[in-house]
Amino acid sequence: MQISSADYKLGAFRYFVGIGKLLSECPIYLKRIVECALNTGMRRGEILGLKWSCIRNGFIYLQRTKTNESMQIPVNDDLEVLFKQIRKEQHLTSEYVFIYQGKPLKEVKRAFKSSCDRAGIEDFRFHDQRHTFASQVLMRGGSLKDIQELFGHKTMTMILRYAHLTQEHKKKAVNLLNGLTASKKADCHKTVTLPLQRKCESV
């Protein structure tokens, strides 16, 4: 069965939610690269060129390849565990984080495409993981401002592509209140008196 890569398509933007299926079909070296992409929103070149010296104090420090500006990307708990595991295995034999057969990787396009094919995932590019990252952050409670800062964009213009996701989840949030004001016979004349709290004497 083929899996559609795009749950939402808005112009050239798409994101994917079948993350577990993709990861299960990736060889270990690629799986770790994909996990880094999904947890940081970093571009492919930034990930493949990532050095251990760029990771410190819970952040990834790098120069954005497109804007040539310095960036600080937070390392979440899952990624921290991954980095520790890689360090333990590598024994710091390479200055690069992601290596294959002892050498830094220059390209993963074919390996990524093969993994998508095995998973039955159509029309999904490595860069789409960046959009997946942004979408997942928003759907889990993050804000458009968070995405702007994590992506290092100076304006909200490009970020507004994701605005529909926040609106959908705001609607889901208020739908949690369904039934709150619905009339019920047992509650028609019921009132609740809450005890008054003593006013604070000092601030």
N, C-alpha and C. Protein backbone atom coordinates (compact mmCIF):
# COMPACT_ATOMS: atom_id res chain seq x y z
N MET A 1 0.84 -1.19 0.00
CA MET A 1 0.00 0.00 0.00
C MET A 1 0.88 1.25 0.00
N GLN A 2 0.58 2.18 -0.88
CA GLN A 2 1.35 3.41 -0.97
C GLN A 2 0.85 4.42 0.06
N ILE A 3 1.78 5.13 0.64
CA ILE A 3 1.44 6.15 1.63
C ILE A 3 1.64 7.52 1.01
N SER A 4 0.66 8.37 1.09
CA SER A 4 0.81 9.73 0.57
C SER A 4 1.74 10.52 1.48
N SER A 5 2.71 11.19 0.89
CA SER A 5 3.67 11.94 1.69
C SER A 5 3.07 13.22 2.24
N ALA A 6 2.09 13.75 1.55
CA ALA A 6 1.59 15.06 1.93
C ALA A 6 0.19 14.96 2.52
N ASP A 7 0.08 15.21 3.79
CA ASP A 7 -1.23 15.28 4.41
C ASP A 7 -1.85 16.65 4.12
N TYR A 8 -0.99 17.63 3.97
CA TYR A 8 -1.41 18.95 3.54
C TYR A 8 -0.45 19.40 2.45
N LYS A 9 -0.98 19.99 1.40
CA LYS A 9 -0.13 20.57 0.35
C LYS A 9 -0.56 22.01 0.17
N LEU A 10 0.36 22.90 0.31
CA LEU A 10 0.07 24.32 0.18
C LEU A 10 1.20 24.90 -0.67
N GLY A 11 0.95 25.03 -1.96
CA GLY A 11 2.01 25.46 -2.84
C GLY A 11 3.10 24.41 -2.88
N ALA A 12 4.32 24.81 -2.54
CA ALA A 12 5.45 23.87 -2.58
C ALA A 12 5.71 23.25 -1.21
N PHE A 13 4.81 23.45 -0.28
CA PHE A 13 5.04 23.01 1.10
C PHE A 13 4.24 21.76 1.40
N ARG A 14 4.89 20.81 2.05
CA ARG A 14 4.21 19.58 2.43
C ARG A 14 4.82 19.07 3.73
N TYR A 15 4.08 18.24 4.42
CA TYR A 15 4.66 17.59 5.58
C TYR A 15 4.11 16.17 5.68
N PHE A 16 4.83 15.37 6.43
CA PHE A 16 4.54 13.94 6.48
C PHE A 16 4.35 13.51 7.92
N VAL A 17 3.39 12.63 8.17
CA VAL A 17 3.13 12.19 9.54
C VAL A 17 3.48 10.71 9.75
N GLY A 18 3.79 9.98 8.68
CA GLY A 18 4.14 8.57 8.83
C GLY A 18 5.59 8.37 9.18
N ILE A 19 6.04 9.05 10.21
CA ILE A 19 7.46 9.08 10.57
C ILE A 19 7.98 7.71 10.96
N GLY A 20 7.23 6.99 11.76
CA GLY A 20 7.67 5.68 12.22
C GLY A 20 7.93 4.71 11.08
N LYS A 21 7.09 4.73 10.07
CA LYS A 21 7.24 3.85 8.92
C LYS A 21 8.52 4.17 8.17
N LEU A 22 8.80 5.44 7.98
CA LEU A 22 10.02 5.84 7.29
C LEU A 22 11.26 5.42 8.07
N LEU A 23 11.27 5.70 9.37
CA LEU A 23 12.44 5.37 10.19
C LEU A 23 12.72 3.87 10.20
N SER A 24 11.67 3.07 10.16
CA SER A 24 11.84 1.62 10.22
C SER A 24 12.51 1.07 8.97
N GLU A 25 12.47 1.82 7.89
CA GLU A 25 13.06 1.36 6.63
C GLU A 25 14.42 1.98 6.34
N CYS A 26 14.88 2.85 7.22
CA CYS A 26 16.18 3.50 7.01
C CYS A 26 17.30 2.65 7.60
N PRO A 27 18.43 2.52 6.89
CA PRO A 27 19.61 1.91 7.53
C PRO A 27 20.03 2.79 8.70
N ILE A 28 20.75 2.23 9.65
CA ILE A 28 21.01 2.93 10.90
C ILE A 28 21.66 4.29 10.71
N TYR A 29 22.62 4.40 9.80
CA TYR A 29 23.31 5.68 9.61
C TYR A 29 22.35 6.74 9.07
N LEU A 30 21.43 6.33 8.19
CA LEU A 30 20.46 7.27 7.63
C LEU A 30 19.36 7.58 8.64
N LYS A 31 18.97 6.58 9.42
CA LYS A 31 17.94 6.78 10.44
C LYS A 31 18.35 7.89 11.40
N ARG A 32 19.61 7.91 11.77
CA ARG A 32 20.09 8.94 12.69
C ARG A 32 20.08 10.33 12.05
N ILE A 33 20.38 10.38 10.78
CA ILE A 33 20.34 11.66 10.06
C ILE A 33 18.91 12.16 9.95
N VAL A 34 17.99 11.24 9.67
CA VAL A 34 16.57 11.60 9.59
C VAL A 34 16.06 12.07 10.94
N GLU A 35 16.46 11.40 12.01
CA GLU A 35 16.04 11.80 13.36
C GLU A 35 16.54 13.20 13.68
N CYS A 36 17.75 13.51 13.26
CA CYS A 36 18.29 14.85 13.49
C CYS A 36 17.48 15.90 12.72
N ALA A 37 17.14 15.58 11.48
CA ALA A 37 16.35 16.50 10.65
C ALA A 37 14.98 16.76 11.26
N LEU A 38 14.33 15.70 11.73
CA LEU A 38 12.98 15.83 12.27
C LEU A 38 12.95 16.52 13.63
N ASN A 39 14.08 16.48 14.35
CA ASN A 39 14.13 17.10 15.68
C ASN A 39 14.71 18.50 15.68
N THR A 40 15.24 18.94 14.54
CA THR A 40 15.87 20.27 14.49
C THR A 40 15.37 21.15 13.36
N GLY A 41 14.88 20.54 12.29
CA GLY A 41 14.50 21.33 11.12
C GLY A 41 15.70 21.78 10.30
N MET A 42 16.87 21.21 10.59
CA MET A 42 18.08 21.59 9.87
C MET A 42 18.04 21.10 8.42
N ARG A 43 18.74 21.81 7.56
CA ARG A 43 18.84 21.41 6.16
C ARG A 43 19.82 20.25 6.01
N ARG A 44 19.71 19.54 4.89
CA ARG A 44 20.54 18.37 4.65
C ARG A 44 22.04 18.70 4.73
N GLY A 45 22.46 19.75 4.07
CA GLY A 45 23.86 20.13 4.07
C GLY A 45 24.37 20.47 5.45
N GLU A 46 23.52 21.10 6.25
CA GLU A 46 23.90 21.46 7.62
C GLU A 46 24.08 20.23 8.49
N ILE A 47 23.24 19.23 8.26
CA ILE A 47 23.33 17.99 9.05
C ILE A 47 24.56 17.18 8.65
N LEU A 48 24.77 17.00 7.36
CA LEU A 48 25.91 16.21 6.90
C LEU A 48 27.23 16.86 7.25
N GLY A 49 27.23 18.19 7.34
CA GLY A 49 28.46 18.91 7.68
C GLY A 49 28.60 19.20 9.17
N LEU A 50 27.70 18.67 9.98
CA LEU A 50 27.71 18.96 11.42
C LEU A 50 28.93 18.34 12.09
N LYS A 51 29.64 19.16 12.87
CA LYS A 51 30.82 18.69 13.60
C LYS A 51 30.54 18.71 15.10
N TRP A 52 31.25 17.86 15.81
CA TRP A 52 31.08 17.77 17.26
C TRP A 52 31.37 19.10 17.94
N SER A 53 32.27 19.87 17.37
CA SER A 53 32.64 21.16 17.96
C SER A 53 31.49 22.16 17.91
N CYS A 54 30.49 21.86 17.08
CA CYS A 54 29.34 22.76 16.96
C CYS A 54 28.26 22.47 17.99
N ILE A 55 28.42 21.36 18.74
CA ILE A 55 27.41 20.95 19.72
C ILE A 55 27.95 21.17 21.12
N ARG A 56 27.34 22.08 21.85
CA ARG A 56 27.78 22.35 23.22
C ARG A 56 26.67 23.07 24.00
N ASN A 57 26.66 22.79 25.29
CA ASN A 57 25.72 23.45 26.20
C ASN A 57 24.25 23.33 25.77
N GLY A 58 23.91 22.19 25.17
CA GLY A 58 22.52 21.97 24.81
C GLY A 58 22.07 22.65 23.53
N PHE A 59 23.01 23.14 22.73
CA PHE A 59 22.67 23.81 21.48
C PHE A 59 23.58 23.36 20.35
N ILE A 60 23.08 23.50 19.14
CA ILE A 60 23.89 23.31 17.94
C ILE A 60 24.19 24.70 17.40
N TYR A 61 25.46 25.02 17.27
CA TYR A 61 25.88 26.33 16.76
C TYR A 61 26.36 26.16 15.32
N LEU A 62 25.75 26.91 14.41
CA LEU A 62 26.18 26.80 13.02
C LEU A 62 25.94 28.10 12.27
N GLN A 63 26.55 28.16 11.09
CA GLN A 63 26.34 29.26 10.17
C GLN A 63 25.33 28.80 9.14
N ARG A 64 24.24 29.52 9.02
CA ARG A 64 23.24 29.17 8.03
C ARG A 64 23.85 29.25 6.63
N THR A 65 23.72 28.18 5.88
CA THR A 65 24.32 28.13 4.55
C THR A 65 23.67 29.12 3.58
N LYS A 66 22.40 29.39 3.75
CA LYS A 66 21.70 30.28 2.81
C LYS A 66 21.81 31.75 3.20
N THR A 67 21.86 32.03 4.49
CA THR A 67 21.88 33.43 4.94
C THR A 67 23.24 33.85 5.48
N ASN A 68 24.12 32.88 5.73
CA ASN A 68 25.45 33.16 6.29
C ASN A 68 25.36 33.83 7.66
N GLU A 69 24.29 33.54 8.39
CA GLU A 69 24.12 34.09 9.73
C GLU A 69 24.29 32.97 10.75
N SER A 70 24.80 33.33 11.92
CA SER A 70 25.00 32.34 12.98
C SER A 70 23.65 31.98 13.59
N MET A 71 23.51 30.70 13.94
CA MET A 71 22.27 30.18 14.51
C MET A 71 22.56 29.32 15.72
N GLN A 72 21.62 29.31 16.66
CA GLN A 72 21.68 28.42 17.81
C GLN A 72 20.41 27.58 17.80
N ILE A 73 20.57 26.29 17.59
CA ILE A 73 19.43 25.39 17.51
C ILE A 73 19.39 24.53 18.77
N PRO A 74 18.31 24.58 19.52
CA PRO A 74 18.22 23.78 20.76
C PRO A 74 18.25 22.29 20.48
N VAL A 75 18.92 21.55 21.36
CA VAL A 75 18.97 20.09 21.27
C VAL A 75 17.95 19.54 22.26
N ASN A 76 16.92 18.86 21.75
CA ASN A 76 15.94 18.30 22.67
C ASN A 76 16.44 17.00 23.30
N ASP A 77 15.67 16.45 24.20
CA ASP A 77 16.11 15.26 24.96
C ASP A 77 16.40 14.07 24.05
N ASP A 78 15.52 13.84 23.07
CA ASP A 78 15.72 12.70 22.17
C ASP A 78 17.02 12.83 21.38
N LEU A 79 17.29 14.03 20.91
CA LEU A 79 18.50 14.24 20.12
C LEU A 79 19.75 14.16 20.99
N GLU A 80 19.64 14.60 22.22
CA GLU A 80 20.77 14.49 23.14
C GLU A 80 21.14 13.03 23.37
N VAL A 81 20.14 12.18 23.52
CA VAL A 81 20.38 10.74 23.69
C VAL A 81 21.06 10.18 22.45
N LEU A 82 20.59 10.60 21.29
CA LEU A 82 21.18 10.13 20.03
C LEU A 82 22.64 10.53 19.91
N PHE A 83 22.94 11.78 20.22
CA PHE A 83 24.32 12.26 20.14
C PHE A 83 25.24 11.49 21.09
N LYS A 84 24.74 11.22 22.29
CA LYS A 84 25.54 10.46 23.26
C LYS A 84 25.82 9.05 22.75
N GLN A 85 24.84 8.45 22.12
CA GLN A 85 25.00 7.10 21.58
C GLN A 85 26.04 7.09 20.46
N ILE A 86 25.97 8.08 19.58
CA ILE A 86 26.93 8.16 18.48
C ILE A 86 28.34 8.40 19.00
N ARG A 87 28.45 9.28 19.97
CA ARG A 87 29.77 9.56 20.58
C ARG A 87 30.39 8.28 21.15
N LYS A 88 29.56 7.52 21.83
CA LYS A 88 30.03 6.30 22.47
C LYS A 88 30.53 5.30 21.44
N GLU A 89 29.84 5.22 20.33
CA GLU A 89 30.21 4.28 19.27
C GLU A 89 31.44 4.75 18.48
N GLN A 90 31.50 6.05 18.23
CA GLN A 90 32.58 6.59 17.41
C GLN A 90 33.89 6.73 18.16
N HIS A 91 33.79 6.94 19.48
CA HIS A 91 34.98 7.25 20.28
C HIS A 91 35.69 8.49 19.75
N LEU A 92 34.88 9.40 19.16
CA LEU A 92 35.39 10.66 18.62
C LEU A 92 36.53 10.45 17.62
N THR A 93 36.40 9.41 16.79
CA THR A 93 37.41 9.16 15.76
C THR A 93 37.24 10.10 14.57
N SER A 94 36.11 10.79 14.52
CA SER A 94 35.88 11.75 13.44
C SER A 94 35.38 13.06 14.02
N GLU A 95 35.71 14.16 13.37
CA GLU A 95 35.20 15.46 13.82
C GLU A 95 33.75 15.66 13.39
N TYR A 96 33.30 14.80 12.47
CA TYR A 96 31.92 14.89 11.99
C TYR A 96 31.00 13.97 12.80
N VAL A 97 29.78 14.42 12.98
CA VAL A 97 28.81 13.64 13.77
C VAL A 97 28.31 12.44 12.99
N PHE A 98 27.92 12.66 11.74
CA PHE A 98 27.32 11.60 10.95
C PHE A 98 28.31 11.09 9.90
N ILE A 99 28.73 9.86 10.09
CA ILE A 99 29.70 9.26 9.19
C ILE A 99 29.21 7.89 8.72
N TYR A 100 29.82 7.40 7.64
CA TYR A 100 29.50 6.08 7.13
C TYR A 100 30.81 5.40 6.74
N GLN A 101 31.06 4.26 7.32
CA GLN A 101 32.31 3.53 7.11
C GLN A 101 33.52 4.42 7.41
N GLY A 102 33.39 5.20 8.48
CA GLY A 102 34.48 6.01 8.96
C GLY A 102 34.69 7.33 8.25
N LYS A 103 33.86 7.63 7.27
CA LYS A 103 34.04 8.86 6.50
C LYS A 103 32.78 9.72 6.55
N PRO A 104 32.93 11.04 6.49
CA PRO A 104 31.75 11.92 6.48
C PRO A 104 30.95 11.71 5.21
N LEU A 105 29.66 11.87 5.32
CA LEU A 105 28.76 11.68 4.18
C LEU A 105 28.63 12.97 3.38
N LYS A 106 28.65 12.83 2.07
CA LYS A 106 28.48 14.00 1.21
C LYS A 106 27.07 14.07 0.62
N GLU A 107 26.40 12.93 0.53
CA GLU A 107 25.07 12.89 -0.05
C GLU A 107 24.30 11.67 0.47
N VAL A 108 22.99 11.84 0.66
CA VAL A 108 22.14 10.72 1.09
C VAL A 108 20.87 10.64 0.24
N LYS A 109 20.88 11.33 -0.88
CA LYS A 109 19.67 11.43 -1.70
C LYS A 109 19.18 10.06 -2.16
N ARG A 110 20.07 9.23 -2.68
CA ARG A 110 19.66 7.92 -3.19
C ARG A 110 19.22 7.00 -2.05
N ALA A 111 19.95 7.03 -0.94
CA ALA A 111 19.60 6.18 0.21
C ALA A 111 18.25 6.60 0.77
N PHE A 112 17.99 7.89 0.81
CA PHE A 112 16.72 8.38 1.34
C PHE A 112 15.58 7.96 0.42
N LYS A 113 15.79 8.10 -0.88
CA LYS A 113 14.76 7.71 -1.85
C LYS A 113 14.47 6.21 -1.74
N SER A 114 15.51 5.40 -1.59
CA SER A 114 15.32 3.95 -1.46
C SER A 114 14.53 3.60 -0.21
N SER A 115 14.82 4.30 0.88
CA SER A 115 14.11 4.05 2.14
C SER A 115 12.64 4.42 2.01
N CYS A 116 12.36 5.52 1.33
CA CYS A 116 10.98 5.93 1.10
C CYS A 116 10.26 4.90 0.24
N ASP A 117 10.95 4.39 -0.78
CA ASP A 117 10.35 3.37 -1.65
C ASP A 117 10.00 2.11 -0.87
N ARG A 118 10.92 1.67 -0.02
CA ARG A 118 10.66 0.47 0.78
C ARG A 118 9.49 0.67 1.74
N ALA A 119 9.34 1.90 2.20
CA ALA A 119 8.25 2.22 3.13
C ALA A 119 6.93 2.48 2.40
N GLY A 120 6.98 2.50 1.07
CA GLY A 120 5.77 2.78 0.30
C GLY A 120 5.36 4.24 0.34
N ILE A 121 6.36 5.12 0.48
CA ILE A 121 6.10 6.55 0.60
C ILE A 121 6.41 7.22 -0.73
N GLU A 122 5.47 7.91 -1.28
CA GLU A 122 5.63 8.54 -2.58
C GLU A 122 5.93 10.04 -2.45
N ASP A 123 6.74 10.52 -3.39
CA ASP A 123 6.92 11.97 -3.57
C ASP A 123 7.28 12.70 -2.27
N PHE A 124 8.28 12.20 -1.57
CA PHE A 124 8.71 12.83 -0.32
C PHE A 124 10.22 13.08 -0.39
N ARG A 125 10.60 14.34 -0.33
CA ARG A 125 12.01 14.72 -0.44
C ARG A 125 12.61 14.92 0.95
N PHE A 126 13.93 14.89 1.00
CA PHE A 126 14.60 15.10 2.28
C PHE A 126 14.22 16.45 2.87
N HIS A 127 14.12 17.47 2.03
CA HIS A 127 13.80 18.82 2.52
C HIS A 127 12.41 18.89 3.14
N ASP A 128 11.53 17.97 2.75
CA ASP A 128 10.18 17.98 3.32
C ASP A 128 10.18 17.68 4.82
N GLN A 129 11.27 17.12 5.31
CA GLN A 129 11.37 16.88 6.75
C GLN A 129 11.46 18.19 7.51
N ARG A 130 11.98 19.21 6.86
CA ARG A 130 12.03 20.54 7.48
C ARG A 130 10.61 21.06 7.71
N HIS A 131 9.75 20.85 6.72
CA HIS A 131 8.36 21.24 6.86
C HIS A 131 7.64 20.37 7.89
N THR A 132 8.03 19.10 7.92
CA THR A 132 7.44 18.19 8.91
C THR A 132 7.79 18.65 10.32
N PHE A 133 9.04 19.05 10.52
CA PHE A 133 9.48 19.57 11.82
C PHE A 133 8.62 20.75 12.24
N ALA A 134 8.47 21.73 11.34
CA ALA A 134 7.70 22.93 11.66
C ALA A 134 6.25 22.57 11.98
N SER A 135 5.67 21.69 11.18
CA SER A 135 4.28 21.30 11.37
C SER A 135 4.07 20.60 12.71
N GLN A 136 4.98 19.70 13.04
CA GLN A 136 4.85 18.96 14.30
C GLN A 136 5.01 19.87 15.51
N VAL A 137 5.92 20.84 15.42
CA VAL A 137 6.09 21.80 16.52
C VAL A 137 4.79 22.55 16.75
N LEU A 138 4.17 23.01 15.68
CA LEU A 138 2.92 23.76 15.80
C LEU A 138 1.79 22.90 16.33
N MET A 139 1.68 21.68 15.84
CA MET A 139 0.59 20.81 16.26
C MET A 139 0.75 20.31 17.68
N ARG A 140 1.96 20.47 18.24
CA ARG A 140 2.20 20.07 19.62
C ARG A 140 2.24 21.27 20.57
N GLY A 141 1.80 22.42 20.09
CA GLY A 141 1.66 23.57 20.97
C GLY A 141 2.61 24.71 20.73
N GLY A 142 3.55 24.58 19.80
CA GLY A 142 4.46 25.67 19.49
C GLY A 142 3.76 26.79 18.74
N SER A 143 4.45 27.89 18.57
CA SER A 143 3.85 29.05 17.90
C SER A 143 4.58 29.36 16.59
N LEU A 144 3.94 30.18 15.77
CA LEU A 144 4.57 30.61 14.52
C LEU A 144 5.86 31.39 14.81
N LYS A 145 5.87 32.12 15.90
CA LYS A 145 7.06 32.86 16.31
C LYS A 145 8.19 31.89 16.64
N ASP A 146 7.86 30.78 17.28
CA ASP A 146 8.87 29.75 17.58
C ASP A 146 9.52 29.25 16.29
N ILE A 147 8.69 28.97 15.28
CA ILE A 147 9.20 28.47 14.01
C ILE A 147 10.08 29.50 13.33
N GLN A 148 9.65 30.75 13.38
CA GLN A 148 10.45 31.82 12.78
C GLN A 148 11.85 31.87 13.39
N GLU A 149 11.92 31.78 14.70
CA GLU A 149 13.22 31.86 15.37
C GLU A 149 14.05 30.60 15.14
N LEU A 150 13.41 29.43 15.15
CA LEU A 150 14.13 28.17 14.92
C LEU A 150 14.66 28.08 13.50
N PHE A 151 13.93 28.66 12.56
CA PHE A 151 14.36 28.64 11.17
C PHE A 151 15.30 29.79 10.84
N GLY A 152 15.35 30.79 11.72
CA GLY A 152 16.24 31.93 11.49
C GLY A 152 15.74 32.88 10.43
N HIS A 153 14.42 32.93 10.24
CA HIS A 153 13.86 33.86 9.25
C HIS A 153 13.66 35.24 9.88
N LYS A 154 13.98 36.27 9.13
CA LYS A 154 13.86 37.63 9.65
C LYS A 154 12.42 38.11 9.68
N THR A 155 11.60 37.61 8.79
CA THR A 155 10.20 38.01 8.75
C THR A 155 9.30 36.78 8.86
N MET A 156 8.01 37.04 9.02
CA MET A 156 7.03 35.96 9.15
C MET A 156 6.47 35.52 7.80
N THR A 157 6.91 36.15 6.72
CA THR A 157 6.32 35.89 5.41
C THR A 157 6.29 34.42 5.06
N MET A 158 7.43 33.74 5.14
CA MET A 158 7.49 32.33 4.79
C MET A 158 6.81 31.45 5.84
N ILE A 159 6.82 31.89 7.07
CA ILE A 159 6.27 31.10 8.17
C ILE A 159 4.75 31.04 8.12
N LEU A 160 4.12 32.04 7.54
CA LEU A 160 2.66 32.09 7.51
C LEU A 160 2.05 30.95 6.71
N ARG A 161 2.88 30.21 5.95
CA ARG A 161 2.38 29.03 5.24
C ARG A 161 1.81 28.00 6.21
N TYR A 162 2.31 28.05 7.44
CA TYR A 162 1.91 27.05 8.43
C TYR A 162 0.74 27.52 9.30
N ALA A 163 0.24 28.71 9.04
CA ALA A 163 -0.77 29.30 9.92
C ALA A 163 -2.02 28.45 10.01
N HIS A 164 -2.38 27.76 8.90
CA HIS A 164 -3.62 26.96 8.91
C HIS A 164 -3.55 25.84 9.95
N LEU A 165 -2.34 25.38 10.27
CA LEU A 165 -2.20 24.31 11.25
C LEU A 165 -2.55 24.81 12.65
N THR A 166 -2.14 26.04 12.97
CA THR A 166 -2.45 26.59 14.29
C THR A 166 -3.95 26.82 14.42
N GLN A 167 -4.58 27.25 13.33
CA GLN A 167 -6.03 27.49 13.37
C GLN A 167 -6.79 26.19 13.60
N GLU A 168 -6.35 25.12 12.94
CA GLU A 168 -7.02 23.84 13.10
C GLU A 168 -6.91 23.33 14.53
N HIS A 169 -5.74 23.51 15.13
CA HIS A 169 -5.55 23.00 16.47
C HIS A 169 -6.18 23.90 17.54
N LYS A 170 -6.34 25.18 17.21
CA LYS A 170 -7.09 26.05 18.11
C LYS A 170 -8.56 25.61 18.14
N LYS A 171 -9.06 25.22 16.96
CA LYS A 171 -10.44 24.77 16.89
C LYS A 171 -10.62 23.49 17.69
N LYS A 172 -9.65 22.57 17.58
CA LYS A 172 -9.72 21.34 18.36
C LYS A 172 -9.69 21.65 19.85
N ALA A 173 -8.91 22.66 20.22
CA ALA A 173 -8.79 23.01 21.64
C ALA A 173 -10.12 23.50 22.20
N VAL A 174 -10.78 24.40 21.47
CA VAL A 174 -12.05 24.92 21.98
C VAL A 174 -13.15 23.85 21.91
N ASN A 175 -13.00 22.89 21.01
CA ASN A 175 -13.99 21.81 20.94
C ASN A 175 -13.96 20.92 22.17
N LEU A 176 -12.88 21.02 22.94
CA LEU A 176 -12.82 20.28 24.19
C LEU A 176 -13.89 20.77 25.17
N LEU A 177 -14.38 21.98 24.93
CA LEU A 177 -15.40 22.57 25.81
C LEU A 177 -16.82 22.20 25.41
N ASN A 178 -16.96 21.45 24.33
CA ASN A 178 -18.30 21.05 23.90
C ASN A 178 -19.05 20.36 25.05
N GLY A 179 -20.25 20.81 25.29
CA GLY A 179 -21.07 20.25 26.36
C GLY A 179 -21.01 21.05 27.65
N LEU A 180 -20.07 22.00 27.71
CA LEU A 180 -19.92 22.79 28.93
C LEU A 180 -21.17 23.60 29.25
N THR A 181 -21.77 24.18 28.22
CA THR A 181 -22.94 25.03 28.45
C THR A 181 -24.24 24.37 28.01
N ALA A 182 -24.16 23.10 27.62
CA ALA A 182 -25.38 22.40 27.22
C ALA A 182 -26.29 22.24 28.43
N SER A 183 -27.59 22.48 28.24
CA SER A 183 -28.54 22.42 29.35
C SER A 183 -28.79 20.97 29.76
N LYS A 184 -28.77 20.73 31.04
CA LYS A 184 -29.08 19.42 31.61
C LYS A 184 -30.07 19.63 32.74
N LYS A 185 -31.13 18.79 32.78
CA LYS A 185 -32.18 18.98 33.78
C LYS A 185 -31.63 18.98 35.20
N ALA A 186 -30.66 18.12 35.41
CA ALA A 186 -30.16 18.00 36.78
C ALA A 186 -29.38 19.22 37.20
N ASP A 187 -28.95 20.00 36.22
CA ASP A 187 -28.10 21.14 36.55
C ASP A 187 -28.82 22.46 36.37
N CYS A 188 -30.10 22.42 36.00
CA CYS A 188 -30.80 23.65 35.65
C CYS A 188 -30.79 24.69 36.77
N HIS A 189 -30.97 24.27 38.02
CA HIS A 189 -31.09 25.21 39.11
C HIS A 189 -29.96 25.06 40.12
N LYS A 190 -28.89 24.41 39.68
CA LYS A 190 -27.80 24.16 40.60
C LYS A 190 -26.80 25.31 40.55
N THR A 191 -26.43 25.79 41.70
CA THR A 191 -25.38 26.81 41.77
C THR A 191 -24.30 26.31 42.71
N VAL A 192 -23.10 26.79 42.48
CA VAL A 192 -21.98 26.38 43.30
C VAL A 192 -21.33 27.62 43.88
N THR A 193 -21.17 27.62 45.17
CA THR A 193 -20.54 28.75 45.84
C THR A 193 -19.12 28.35 46.24
N LEU A 194 -18.18 29.10 45.74
CA LEU A 194 -16.79 28.83 46.07
C LEU A 194 -16.37 29.63 47.28
N PRO A 195 -15.60 29.07 48.19
CA PRO A 195 -15.15 29.80 49.35
C PRO A 195 -14.24 30.96 48.94
N LEU A 196 -14.45 32.09 49.62
CA LEU A 196 -13.62 33.26 49.31
C LEU A 196 -12.22 33.04 49.84
N GLN A 197 -11.25 33.44 49.05
CA GLN A 197 -9.86 33.34 49.48
C GLN A 197 -9.48 34.61 50.21
N ARG A 198 -8.68 34.45 51.25
CA ARG A 198 -8.24 35.61 52.00
C ARG A 198 -7.32 36.45 51.14
N LYS A 199 -7.50 37.72 51.20
CA LYS A 199 -6.68 38.64 50.44
C LYS A 199 -5.26 38.63 50.98
N CYS A 200 -4.31 38.57 50.05
CA CYS A 200 -2.91 38.55 50.48
C CYS A 200 -2.55 39.87 51.18
N GLU A 201 -1.87 39.75 52.30
CA GLU A 201 -1.46 40.94 53.03
C GLU A 201 -0.16 41.53 52.53
N SER A 202 0.61 40.70 51.85
CA SER A 202 1.87 41.22 51.33
C SER A 202 2.10 40.65 49.94
N VAL A 203 2.85 41.32 49.11
CA VAL A 203 3.14 40.90 47.74
C VAL A 203 4.63 40.63 47.63
